PDB file of N, CA and C in Angstrom:
ATOM      1  N   MET A   1      16.099 208.887 126.916  1.00  0.00           N
ATOM      2  CA  MET A   1      16.557 208.660 128.293  1.00  0.00           C
ATOM      3  C   MET A   1      18.074 208.790 128.382  1.00  0.00           C
ATOM      4  N   LYS A   2      18.775 208.425 127.310  1.00  0.00           N
ATOM      5  CA  LYS A   2      20.224 208.466 127.347  1.00  0.00           C
ATOM      6  C   LYS A   2      20.765 209.880 127.349  1.00  0.00           C
ATOM      7  N   THR A   3      20.044 210.824 126.784  1.00  0.00           N
ATOM      8  CA  THR A   3      20.556 212.188 126.656  1.00  0.00           C
ATOM      9  C   THR A   3      19.876 213.192 127.585  1.00  0.00           C
ATOM     10  N   TRP A   4      19.094 212.710 128.526  1.00  0.00           N
ATOM     11  CA  TRP A   4      18.360 213.650 129.387  1.00  0.00           C
ATOM     12  C   TRP A   4      19.306 214.476 130.255  1.00  0.00           C
ATOM     13  N   TYR A   5      20.407 213.886 130.701  1.00  0.00           N
ATOM     14  CA  TYR A   5      21.339 214.626 131.573  1.00  0.00           C
ATOM     15  C   TYR A   5      22.034 215.747 130.822  1.00  0.00           C
ATOM     16  N   SER A   6      22.354 215.531 129.573  1.00  0.00           N
ATOM     17  CA  SER A   6      23.030 216.579 128.799  1.00  0.00           C
ATOM     18  C   SER A   6      22.064 217.683 128.387  1.00  0.00           C
ATOM     19  N   ASN A   7      20.785 217.426 128.439  1.00  0.00           N
ATOM     20  CA  ASN A   7      19.800 218.468 128.040  1.00  0.00           C
ATOM     21  C   ASN A   7      19.323 219.342 129.175  1.00  0.00           C
ATOM     22  N   ILE A   8      19.662 219.015 130.421  1.00  0.00           N
ATOM     23  CA  ILE A   8      19.200 219.847 131.528  1.00  0.00           C
ATOM     24  C   ILE A   8      20.210 220.952 131.811  1.00  0.00           C
ATOM     25  N   THR A   9      19.760 222.002 132.467  1.00  0.00           N
ATOM     26  CA  THR A   9      20.607 223.160 132.723  1.00  0.00           C
ATOM     27  C   THR A   9      21.521 222.903 133.923  1.00  0.00           C
ATOM     28  N   LYS A  10      22.466 223.830 134.114  1.00  0.00           N
ATOM     29  CA  LYS A  10      23.422 223.684 135.222  1.00  0.00           C
ATOM     30  C   LYS A  10      22.684 223.802 136.565  1.00  0.00           C
ATOM     31  N   ALA A  11      21.688 224.645 136.657  1.00  0.00           N
ATOM     32  CA  ALA A  11      20.917 224.769 137.912  1.00  0.00           C
ATOM     33  C   ALA A  11      20.178 223.481 138.234  1.00  0.00           C
ATOM     34  N   GLN A  12      19.629 222.831 137.216  1.00  0.00           N
ATOM     35  CA  GLN A  12      18.935 221.562 137.439  1.00  0.00           C
ATOM     36  C   GLN A  12      19.912 220.469 137.823  1.00  0.00           C
ATOM     37  N   LYS A  13      21.122 220.458 137.267  1.00  0.00           N
ATOM     38  CA  LYS A  13      22.120 219.503 137.649  1.00  0.00           C
ATOM     39  C   LYS A  13      22.530 219.693 139.106  1.00  0.00           C
ATOM     40  N   THR A  14      22.705 220.971 139.506  1.00  0.00           N
ATOM     41  CA  THR A  14      23.052 221.264 140.891  1.00  0.00           C
ATOM     42  C   THR A  14      21.934 220.806 141.830  1.00  0.00           C
ATOM     43  N   PHE A  15      20.693 221.051 141.434  1.00  0.00           N
ATOM     44  CA  PHE A  15      19.557 220.634 142.248  1.00  0.00           C
ATOM     45  C   PHE A  15      19.529 219.110 142.402  1.00  0.00           C
ATOM     46  N   LEU A  16      19.713 218.399 141.301  1.00  0.00           N
ATOM     47  CA  LEU A  16      19.726 216.930 141.373  1.00  0.00           C
ATOM     48  C   LEU A  16      20.861 216.417 142.253  1.00  0.00           C
ATOM     49  N   PHE A  17      22.032 217.028 142.137  1.00  0.00           N
ATOM     50  CA  PHE A  17      23.161 216.621 142.935  1.00  0.00           C
ATOM     51  C   PHE A  17      22.905 216.867 144.424  1.00  0.00           C
ATOM     52  N   THR A  18      22.322 218.025 144.734  1.00  0.00           N
ATOM     53  CA  THR A  18      22.033 218.360 146.138  1.00  0.00           C
ATOM     54  C   THR A  18      20.985 217.406 146.712  1.00  0.00           C
ATOM     55  N   ILE A  19      19.956 217.137 145.970  1.00  0.00           N
ATOM     56  CA  ILE A  19      18.925 216.198 146.458  1.00  0.00           C
ATOM     57  C   ILE A  19      19.501 214.807 146.658  1.00  0.00           C
ATOM     58  N   SER A  20      20.363 214.381 145.734  1.00  0.00           N
ATOM     59  CA  SER A  20      20.973 213.065 145.840  1.00  0.00           C
ATOM     60  C   SER A  20      21.850 212.958 147.088  1.00  0.00           C
ATOM     61  N   VAL A  21      22.661 213.983 147.336  1.00  0.00           N
ATOM     62  CA  VAL A  21      23.520 213.981 148.512  1.00  0.00           C
ATOM     63  C   VAL A  21      22.685 213.987 149.790  1.00  0.00           C
ATOM     64  N   LEU A  22      21.627 214.796 149.830  1.00  0.00           N
ATOM     65  CA  LEU A  22      20.781 214.837 151.020  1.00  0.00           C
ATOM     66  C   LEU A  22      20.112 213.503 151.285  1.00  0.00           C
ATOM     67  N   LEU A  23      19.642 212.845 150.218  1.00  0.00           N
ATOM     68  CA  LEU A  23      19.006 211.536 150.397  1.00  0.00           C
ATOM     69  C   LEU A  23      19.991 210.511 150.932  1.00  0.00           C
ATOM     70  N   ILE A  24      21.221 210.557 150.405  1.00  0.00           N
ATOM     71  CA  ILE A  24      22.245 209.630 150.879  1.00  0.00           C
ATOM     72  C   ILE A  24      22.531 209.876 152.357  1.00  0.00           C
ATOM     73  N   LEU A  25      22.652 211.162 152.753  1.00  0.00           N
ATOM     74  CA  LEU A  25      22.925 211.482 154.150  1.00  0.00           C
ATOM     75  C   LEU A  25      21.755 211.079 155.047  1.00  0.00           C
ATOM     76  N   VAL A  26      20.545 211.360 154.632  1.00  0.00           N
ATOM     77  CA  VAL A  26      19.379 211.052 155.452  1.00  0.00           C
ATOM     78  C   VAL A  26      19.226 209.560 155.646  1.00  0.00           C
ATOM     79  N   TYR A  27      19.323 208.809 154.540  1.00  0.00           N
ATOM     80  CA  TYR A  27      19.145 207.369 154.655  1.00  0.00           C
ATOM     81  C   TYR A  27      20.354 206.682 155.263  1.00  0.00           C
ATOM     82  N   GLY A  28      21.546 207.208 154.984  1.00  0.00           N
ATOM     83  CA  GLY A  28      22.749 206.610 155.566  1.00  0.00           C
ATOM     84  C   GLY A  28      22.771 206.788 157.072  1.00  0.00           C
ATOM     85  N   ILE A  29      22.516 208.027 157.531  1.00  0.00           N
ATOM     86  CA  ILE A  29      22.509 208.280 158.969  1.00  0.00           C
ATOM     87  C   ILE A  29      21.236 207.725 159.604  1.00  0.00           C
ATOM     88  N   GLY A  30      20.161 207.736 158.873  1.00  0.00           N
ATOM     89  CA  GLY A  30      18.894 207.247 159.415  1.00  0.00           C
ATOM     90  C   GLY A  30      18.891 205.735 159.616  1.00  0.00           C
ATOM     91  N   LEU A  31      19.734 205.007 158.876  1.00  0.00           N
ATOM     92  CA  LEU A  31      19.798 203.560 159.038  1.00  0.00           C
ATOM     93  C   LEU A  31      20.556 203.148 160.275  1.00  0.00           C
ATOM     94  N   ILE A  32      21.435 204.011 160.791  1.00  0.00           N
ATOM     95  CA  ILE A  32      22.222 203.666 161.965  1.00  0.00           C
ATOM     96  C   ILE A  32      21.334 203.495 163.211  1.00  0.00           C
ATOM     97  N   PRO A  33      20.444 204.452 163.536  1.00  0.00           N
ATOM     98  CA  PRO A  33      19.554 204.218 164.672  1.00  0.00           C
ATOM     99  C   PRO A  33      18.614 203.041 164.473  1.00  0.00           C
ATOM    100  N   LEU A  34      18.175 202.835 163.240  1.00  0.00           N
ATOM    101  CA  LEU A  34      17.296 201.695 162.951  1.00  0.00           C
ATOM    102  C   LEU A  34      18.024 200.380 163.219  1.00  0.00           C
ATOM    103  N   ALA A  35      19.263 200.305 162.755  1.00  0.00           N
ATOM    104  CA  ALA A  35      20.062 199.105 163.003  1.00  0.00           C
ATOM    105  C   ALA A  35      20.305 198.915 164.486  1.00  0.00           C
ATOM    106  N   LEU A  36      20.568 199.994 165.195  1.00  0.00           N
ATOM    107  CA  LEU A  36      20.803 199.906 166.637  1.00  0.00           C
ATOM    108  C   LEU A  36      19.557 199.438 167.377  1.00  0.00           C
ATOM    109  N   LEU A  37      18.415 199.985 167.015  1.00  0.00           N
ATOM    110  CA  LEU A  37      17.166 199.566 167.655  1.00  0.00           C
ATOM    111  C   LEU A  37      16.849 198.109 167.358  1.00  0.00           C
ATOM    112  N   THR A  38      17.112 197.696 166.122  1.00  0.00           N
ATOM    113  CA  THR A  38      16.858 196.296 165.744  1.00  0.00           C
ATOM    114  C   THR A  38      17.782 195.377 166.543  1.00  0.00           C
ATOM    115  N   TYR A  39      19.044 195.762 166.666  1.00  0.00           N
ATOM    116  CA  TYR A  39      20.016 194.957 167.411  1.00  0.00           C
ATOM    117  C   TYR A  39      19.592 194.850 168.895  1.00  0.00           C
ATOM    118  N   LEU A  40      19.171 195.976 169.452  1.00  0.00           N
ATOM    119  CA  LEU A  40      18.776 195.965 170.861  1.00  0.00           C
ATOM    120  C   LEU A  40      17.509 195.144 171.077  1.00  0.00           C
ATOM    121  N   GLN A  41      16.582 195.214 170.133  1.00  0.00           N
ATOM    122  CA  GLN A  41      15.358 194.488 170.256  1.00  0.00           C
ATOM    123  C   GLN A  41      15.599 192.963 170.093  1.00  0.00           C
ATOM    124  N   LEU A  42      16.378 192.608 169.120  1.00  0.00           N
ATOM    125  CA  LEU A  42      16.618 191.187 168.846  1.00  0.00           C
ATOM    126  C   LEU A  42      17.688 190.600 169.779  1.00  0.00           C
ATOM    127  N   GLY A  43      18.535 191.457 170.321  1.00  0.00           N
ATOM    128  CA  GLY A  43      19.620 190.973 171.134  1.00  0.00           C
ATOM    129  C   GLY A  43      19.262 190.742 172.609  1.00  0.00           C
ATOM    130  N   GLN A  44      18.140 191.277 173.032  1.00  0.00           N
ATOM    131  CA  GLN A  44      17.766 191.119 174.442  1.00  0.00           C
ATOM    132  C   GLN A  44      17.051 189.799 174.630  1.00  0.00           C
ATOM    133  N   PRO A  45      17.422 189.077 175.676  1.00  0.00           N
ATOM    134  CA  PRO A  45      16.747 187.817 175.942  1.00  0.00           C
ATOM    135  C   PRO A  45      15.322 188.051 176.432  1.00  0.00           C
ATOM    136  N   ASN A  46      14.447 187.174 176.070  1.00  0.00           N
ATOM    137  CA  ASN A  46      13.054 187.269 176.494  1.00  0.00           C
ATOM    138  C   ASN A  46      12.924 186.720 177.889  1.00  0.00           C
ATOM    139  N   PRO A  47      12.521 187.536 178.866  1.00  0.00           N
ATOM    140  CA  PRO A  47      12.421 187.033 180.257  1.00  0.00           C
ATOM    141  C   PRO A  47      11.345 185.982 180.417  1.00  0.00           C
ATOM    142  N   ASN A  48      10.362 185.905 179.509  1.00  0.00           N
ATOM    143  CA  ASN A  48       9.289 184.922 179.635  1.00  0.00           C
ATOM    144  C   ASN A  48       9.683 183.563 179.067  1.00  0.00           C
ATOM    145  N   GLN A  49      10.777 183.562 178.280  1.00  0.00           N
ATOM    146  CA  GLN A  49      11.195 182.316 177.648  1.00  0.00           C
ATOM    147  C   GLN A  49      12.262 181.634 178.508  1.00  0.00           C
ATOM    148  N   LEU A  50      12.096 180.339 178.740  1.00  0.00           N
ATOM    149  CA  LEU A  50      13.049 179.608 179.588  1.00  0.00           C
ATOM    150  C   LEU A  50      14.063 178.866 178.741  1.00  0.00           C
TER     151      LEU A  50
END
């Protein structure tokens, strides 16, 4: 497990890097609308509650 990165080819390293960056972008940007929706849902007062 310690030497797996040194044993893969340059194309495989590029592929891993690209996938990692895409996952970071998708989850990073994808969490913003989720956080906004959560805030709006939890931040609104319940009209049925006195």
